[in-house]
Protein backbone atom coordinates (compact mmCIF):
# COMPACT_ATOMS: atom_id res chain seq x y z
CA UNK A 1 18.88 -29.13 11.62
CA UNK A 2 16.65 -26.05 11.72
CA UNK A 3 14.76 -25.63 8.45
CA UNK A 4 13.46 -22.66 6.49
CA UNK A 5 10.00 -24.22 6.77
CA UNK A 6 10.14 -24.17 10.58
CA UNK A 7 11.18 -20.49 10.61
CA UNK A 8 8.39 -19.61 8.17
CA UNK A 9 5.84 -21.40 10.35
CA UNK A 10 7.08 -19.59 13.45
CA UNK A 11 6.80 -16.18 11.77
CA UNK A 12 3.27 -17.03 10.60
CA UNK A 13 2.27 -17.78 14.19
CA UNK A 14 3.86 -14.53 15.33
CA UNK A 15 1.84 -12.66 12.71
CA UNK A 16 -1.51 -14.28 13.53
CA UNK A 17 -1.05 -15.34 17.19
CA UNK A 18 -3.21 -18.30 16.22
CA UNK A 19 -2.01 -21.78 15.22
CA UNK A 20 -4.99 -22.58 12.96
CA UNK A 21 -4.79 -19.24 11.12
CA UNK A 22 -1.03 -19.64 10.77
CA UNK A 23 -1.47 -23.14 9.36
CA UNK A 24 -4.00 -21.83 6.83
CA UNK A 25 -1.58 -19.07 5.90
CA UNK A 26 1.16 -21.65 5.29
CA UNK A 27 -1.22 -24.07 3.49
CA UNK A 28 -0.50 -26.93 5.91
CA UNK A 29 -2.49 -28.75 8.56
CA UNK A 30 -2.48 -27.39 12.09
CA UNK A 31 -0.99 -30.63 13.39
CA UNK A 32 1.91 -30.43 10.91
CA UNK A 33 2.62 -26.83 11.86
CA UNK A 34 2.45 -27.60 15.59
CA UNK A 35 4.77 -30.58 15.21
CA UNK A 36 7.31 -28.54 13.24
CA UNK A 37 7.32 -25.77 15.85
CA UNK A 38 7.62 -28.21 18.73
CA UNK A 39 10.63 -29.73 16.99
CA UNK A 40 12.09 -26.25 16.42
CA UNK A 41 11.76 -25.44 20.12
CA UNK A 42 13.33 -28.80 21.00
CA UNK A 43 16.26 -28.16 18.66
CA UNK A 44 16.84 -24.69 20.11
CA UNK A 45 16.28 -25.81 23.68
CA UNK A 46 13.94 -22.92 24.45
CA UNK A 47 10.27 -21.97 24.24
CA UNK A 48 9.29 -19.54 21.50
CA UNK A 49 5.54 -19.52 22.13
CA UNK A 50 3.44 -19.70 25.25
CA UNK A 51 0.13 -21.27 24.30
CA UNK A 52 -3.06 -22.67 25.77
CA UNK A 53 -6.57 -23.29 24.48
CA UNK A 54 -7.40 -19.57 24.48
CA UNK A 55 -4.35 -17.65 23.31
CA UNK A 56 -0.83 -17.69 21.90
CA UNK A 57 1.88 -15.39 23.20
CA UNK A 58 5.48 -14.88 22.13
CA UNK A 59 7.96 -15.40 24.97
CA UNK A 60 10.68 -12.80 25.63
CA UNK A 61 13.38 -15.08 24.20
CA UNK A 62 10.96 -15.94 21.39
CA UNK A 63 10.91 -12.31 20.24
CA UNK A 64 14.69 -12.44 19.78
CA UNK A 65 14.51 -15.77 17.94
CA UNK A 66 11.83 -14.49 15.57
CA UNK A 67 13.74 -11.27 14.92
CA UNK A 68 16.73 -13.32 13.78
CA UNK A 69 14.48 -15.67 11.83
CA UNK A 70 13.15 -12.71 9.82
CA UNK A 71 16.68 -11.63 9.02
CA UNK A 72 17.62 -15.17 7.92
CA UNK A 73 14.62 -15.50 5.61
CA UNK A 74 15.23 -12.04 4.18
CA UNK A 75 18.82 -12.97 3.33
CA UNK A 76 17.64 -16.20 1.72
CA UNK A 77 15.12 -14.25 -0.32
CA UNK A 78 17.84 -11.85 -1.44
CA UNK A 79 19.96 -14.82 -2.52
CA UNK A 80 17.08 -16.11 -4.62
CA UNK A 81 16.60 -12.66 -6.12
CA UNK A 82 20.31 -12.43 -6.89
CA UNK A 83 20.05 -15.64 -8.88
CA UNK A 84 17.04 -14.28 -10.74
CA UNK A 85 18.50 -10.84 -11.32
CA UNK A 86 20.47 -12.13 -14.32
CA UNK A 87 17.28 -13.31 -16.01
CA UNK A 88 14.50 -11.28 -17.59
CA UNK A 89 12.58 -8.75 -15.44
CA UNK A 90 9.50 -10.15 -13.68
CA UNK A 91 10.60 -13.73 -14.34
CA UNK A 92 9.88 -14.72 -10.72
CA UNK A 93 7.03 -13.86 -8.29
CA UNK A 94 6.95 -10.39 -6.74
CA UNK A 95 4.89 -9.02 -3.86
CA UNK A 96 3.84 -5.39 -4.32
CA UNK A 97 2.07 -3.19 -1.79
CA UNK A 98 -0.25 -0.42 -3.00
CA UNK A 99 -2.00 2.30 -1.00
CA UNK A 100 -5.85 2.49 -1.17
CA UNK A 101 -5.88 5.85 -2.97
CA UNK A 102 -3.84 4.36 -5.83
CA UNK A 103 -4.77 0.65 -6.04
CA UNK A 104 -8.30 0.79 -7.55
CA UNK A 105 -7.33 3.46 -10.08
CA UNK A 106 -3.93 2.15 -11.18
CA UNK A 107 -4.15 -1.65 -11.01
CA UNK A 108 -6.96 -2.09 -13.60
CA UNK A 109 -4.86 -0.03 -16.01
CA UNK A 110 -1.55 -1.82 -15.59
CA UNK A 111 -2.52 -5.48 -15.66
CA UNK A 112 -3.55 -5.60 -19.36
CA UNK A 113 -0.17 -4.08 -20.29
CA UNK A 114 1.64 -6.35 -17.83
CA UNK A 115 -0.03 -9.44 -19.27
CA UNK A 116 0.91 -8.37 -22.78
CA UNK A 117 4.57 -7.58 -22.05
CA UNK A 118 5.26 -10.23 -19.39
CA UNK A 119 2.62 -12.97 -19.70
CA UNK A 120 4.42 -15.23 -17.22
CA UNK A 121 4.72 -12.54 -14.53
CA UNK A 122 3.27 -13.35 -11.11
CA UNK A 123 2.47 -10.24 -9.08
CA UNK A 124 0.94 -10.58 -5.61
CA UNK A 125 -0.74 -7.35 -4.48
CA UNK A 126 -1.24 -6.16 -0.91
CA UNK A 127 -3.44 -3.09 -0.30
CA UNK A 128 -2.61 -1.24 2.92
CA UNK A 129 -2.00 2.24 4.26
CA UNK A 130 1.40 3.84 3.70
CA UNK A 131 3.04 3.29 7.09
CA UNK A 132 2.11 -0.39 7.19
CA UNK A 133 3.50 -0.91 3.68
CA UNK A 134 6.76 0.84 4.56
CA UNK A 135 7.13 -1.47 7.57
CA UNK A 136 6.41 -4.51 5.37
CA UNK A 137 9.05 -3.47 2.83
CA UNK A 138 11.62 -2.90 5.57
CA UNK A 139 10.95 -6.31 7.13
CA UNK A 140 11.06 -8.09 3.76
CA UNK A 141 7.42 -9.17 3.99
CA UNK A 142 6.87 -7.60 0.57
CA UNK A 143 9.35 -6.69 -2.17
CA UNK A 144 8.25 -3.15 -2.94
CA UNK A 145 5.36 -0.73 -2.43
CA UNK A 146 3.67 2.01 -4.43
CA UNK A 147 3.27 5.11 -2.27
CA UNK A 148 2.34 8.74 -2.70
CA UNK A 149 5.19 11.09 -1.81
CA UNK A 150 6.14 12.98 0.21
CA UNK A 151 6.10 10.30 2.91
CA UNK A 152 8.75 9.30 5.43
CA UNK A 153 10.57 6.22 4.07
CA UNK A 154 13.81 6.37 6.03
CA UNK A 155 16.19 3.59 5.07
CA UNK A 156 14.42 2.85 1.77
CA UNK A 157 15.06 3.99 -1.79
CA UNK A 158 12.37 5.33 -4.13
CA UNK A 159 11.72 5.29 -7.87
CA UNK A 160 9.25 7.99 -8.87
CA UNK A 161 7.14 7.29 -11.95
CA UNK A 162 4.20 9.73 -11.84
CA UNK A 163 3.12 13.19 -10.72
CA UNK A 164 -0.43 14.46 -10.49
CA UNK A 165 -2.70 17.21 -9.19
CA UNK A 166 -5.88 17.24 -7.11
CA UNK A 167 -9.39 18.07 -8.28
CA UNK A 168 -12.16 19.59 -6.18
CA UNK A 169 -15.52 17.82 -6.44
CA UNK A 170 -18.80 19.55 -5.64
CA UNK A 171 -22.46 19.38 -6.68
CA UNK A 172 -23.40 21.39 -9.76
CA UNK A 173 -25.20 24.58 -8.93
CA UNK A 174 -23.30 25.22 -5.72
CA UNK A 175 -20.84 28.06 -5.08
CA UNK A 176 -17.78 27.96 -7.40
CA UNK A 177 -19.20 24.95 -9.31
CA UNK A 178 -19.06 26.78 -12.67
CA UNK A 179 -15.33 27.52 -12.45
CA UNK A 180 -12.60 25.65 -14.31
CA UNK A 181 -9.98 26.39 -11.64
CA UNK A 182 -10.29 26.83 -7.88
CA UNK A 183 -7.89 28.10 -5.23
CA UNK A 184 -7.33 26.65 -1.80
CA UNK A 185 -8.89 29.76 -0.28
CA UNK A 186 -12.07 29.08 -2.22
CA UNK A 187 -11.99 25.39 -1.27
CA UNK A 188 -11.86 26.31 2.42
CA UNK A 189 -15.13 28.19 2.02
CA UNK A 190 -16.88 24.86 1.40
CA UNK A 191 -17.62 21.99 3.75
CA UNK A 192 -14.53 20.01 2.81
CA UNK A 193 -14.48 16.28 3.61
CA UNK A 194 -11.29 14.20 3.49
CA UNK A 195 -10.17 10.67 4.29
CA UNK A 196 -9.67 9.62 7.90
CA UNK A 197 -6.36 9.76 9.76
CA UNK A 198 -3.71 7.39 8.40
CA UNK A 199 -4.36 8.04 4.70
CA UNK A 200 -1.51 10.05 3.23
CA UNK A 201 -3.87 11.64 0.66
CA UNK A 202 -5.45 13.52 3.54
CA UNK A 203 -2.07 14.88 4.66
CA UNK A 204 -1.17 15.86 1.09
CA UNK A 205 -4.51 17.64 0.60
CA UNK A 206 -4.16 19.54 3.88
CA UNK A 207 -0.61 20.53 2.95
CA UNK A 208 -1.49 21.69 -0.58
CA UNK A 209 -4.43 23.74 0.72
CA UNK A 210 -2.45 24.98 3.75
CA UNK A 211 -5.21 23.69 6.00
CA UNK A 212 -5.18 22.39 9.54
CA UNK A 213 -7.15 19.25 10.31
CA UNK A 214 -9.53 21.31 12.42
CA UNK A 215 -10.65 23.16 9.29
CA UNK A 216 -11.47 19.98 7.34
CA UNK A 217 -13.68 16.89 7.67
CA UNK A 218 -16.26 18.47 10.01
CA UNK A 219 -16.49 15.37 12.15
CA UNK A 220 -16.56 12.95 9.23
CA UNK A 221 -13.63 10.77 8.14
CA UNK A 222 -14.11 8.31 5.27
CA UNK A 223 -12.02 5.23 4.53
CA UNK A 224 -12.38 5.44 0.73
CA UNK A 225 -12.70 8.02 -2.03
CA UNK A 226 -15.88 6.27 -3.21
CA UNK A 227 -17.51 7.06 0.13
CA UNK A 228 -16.49 10.70 -0.12
CA UNK A 229 -18.02 10.96 -3.60
CA UNK A 230 -21.27 9.47 -2.28
CA UNK A 231 -21.28 12.08 0.49
CA UNK A 232 -20.81 14.85 -2.08
CA UNK A 233 -23.69 13.45 -4.13
CA UNK A 234 -25.81 13.63 -0.97
CA UNK A 235 -25.02 17.35 -0.71
CA UNK A 236 -23.13 16.86 2.56
CA UNK A 237 -20.00 18.67 1.45
CA UNK A 238 -17.15 18.72 -1.07
CA UNK A 239 -13.94 16.75 -1.43
CA UNK A 240 -10.58 16.53 -3.19
CA UNK A 241 -9.53 13.57 -5.36
CA UNK A 242 -6.30 12.79 -7.28
CA UNK A 243 -6.21 13.04 -11.06
CA UNK A 244 -5.86 9.28 -11.62
CA UNK A 245 -9.18 8.68 -9.80
CA UNK A 246 -11.13 11.44 -11.57
CA UNK A 247 -12.56 9.46 -14.49
CA UNK A 248 -13.48 6.36 -12.49
CA UNK A 249 -15.15 8.30 -9.67
CA UNK A 250 -16.93 11.09 -11.53
CA UNK A 251 -17.21 10.47 -15.30
CA UNK A 252 -20.59 8.75 -15.08
CA UNK A 253 -22.12 11.29 -12.70
CA UNK A 254 -23.45 14.42 -14.37
CA UNK A 255 -24.50 15.88 -11.01
CA UNK A 256 -20.92 16.67 -10.10
CA UNK A 257 -18.53 19.46 -11.02
CA UNK A 258 -14.86 18.48 -11.09
CA UNK A 259 -12.54 21.48 -10.89
CA UNK A 260 -8.74 21.59 -10.99
CA UNK A 261 -7.11 22.83 -7.78
CA UNK A 262 -5.05 25.83 -8.82
CA UNK A 263 -2.11 25.45 -6.43
CA UNK A 264 1.59 24.79 -7.22
CA UNK A 265 2.02 21.41 -8.92
CA UNK A 266 2.49 18.52 -8.48
CA UNK A 267 0.16 17.93 -5.56
CA UNK A 268 1.49 14.41 -5.01
CA UNK A 269 4.16 12.16 -6.52
CA UNK A 270 3.77 8.40 -7.00
CA UNK A 271 6.77 6.11 -6.51
CA UNK A 272 7.96 2.60 -5.80
CA UNK A 273 9.89 2.24 -2.53
CA UNK A 274 12.26 -0.67 -1.91
CA UNK A 275 15.18 -1.83 0.23
CA UNK A 276 18.67 -0.59 -0.77
CA UNK A 277 19.94 -4.18 -1.05
CA UNK A 278 17.01 -5.39 -3.15
CA UNK A 279 18.63 -7.25 -6.03
CA UNK A 280 15.90 -7.13 -8.70
CA UNK A 281 15.72 -3.44 -9.48
CA UNK A 282 15.10 -4.31 -13.15
CA UNK A 283 11.72 -5.78 -12.20
CA UNK A 284 10.73 -2.63 -10.32
CA UNK A 285 11.89 -0.51 -13.26
CA UNK A 286 9.79 -2.64 -15.62
CA UNK A 287 6.72 -2.22 -13.41
CA UNK A 288 7.33 1.53 -13.13
CA UNK A 289 7.47 1.81 -16.91
CA UNK A 290 4.20 -0.11 -17.23
CA UNK A 291 2.56 2.14 -14.62
CA UNK A 292 3.77 5.27 -16.39
CA UNK A 293 2.55 4.02 -19.77
CA UNK A 294 -0.87 3.09 -18.42
CA UNK A 295 -1.40 6.51 -16.85
CA UNK A 296 -0.25 8.34 -19.97
CA UNK A 297 -2.57 6.47 -22.32
CA UNK A 298 -5.83 6.54 -20.32
């Protein structure tokens, strides 16, 4: 009989296209994983993977098998969640995706509160860009994800828990650095630097400031807000950061001016996204409440 373990091993190989890496991911020996997959192929009477000493490929029929395997494991997971939905929130492990422009500024705030309210909670965090997290939620690879809206999440539901504005960061002594508010027109007069393509914060900043990409970045695209702040400190330009990152990125640096962007609020909205049939909404609601509390009190 085909087992859940065999299907999990097969999906790990699909993800890594490498038997050793897949075995490490599943915490088993490579020989055990290979034997289980060989038995799976024997039971099905077809070849899922084409492999040699150099590479692993998924066969055409293998793609269809793995697609159905994902659906089977997702339904099993939903059954497990259904059983747990009658118990206390966060009483079983959860996998949560978080985008890079939220993770380092939110996670350190929420875990002390989480540990106090739900000491037995087990939260596994994945940090990725928005589109990858949306795909992972849809496929059931993770339970939920924290994203910045607006973002296309067709087929998923959202639970908004926070709204915030952007702040313009520049060196003290430069143009507009003495102001307490700044408009998008004034921001565009500076050498504005934003995150590289794929980060939704960049899209939100361009939208709020009514900018085209050609009028921002000036040939430079960073992968983190920390890098942008370092570039500002080096007098290479200015940048925009979200409110939740303001203290961590700028509080200890007296060389910087941090000025509120005076454009219609909110500049971005933070929410959990999840599948419509996800059965443990109470756990997501509990996490959303913890996130909201942490942002209100710091």
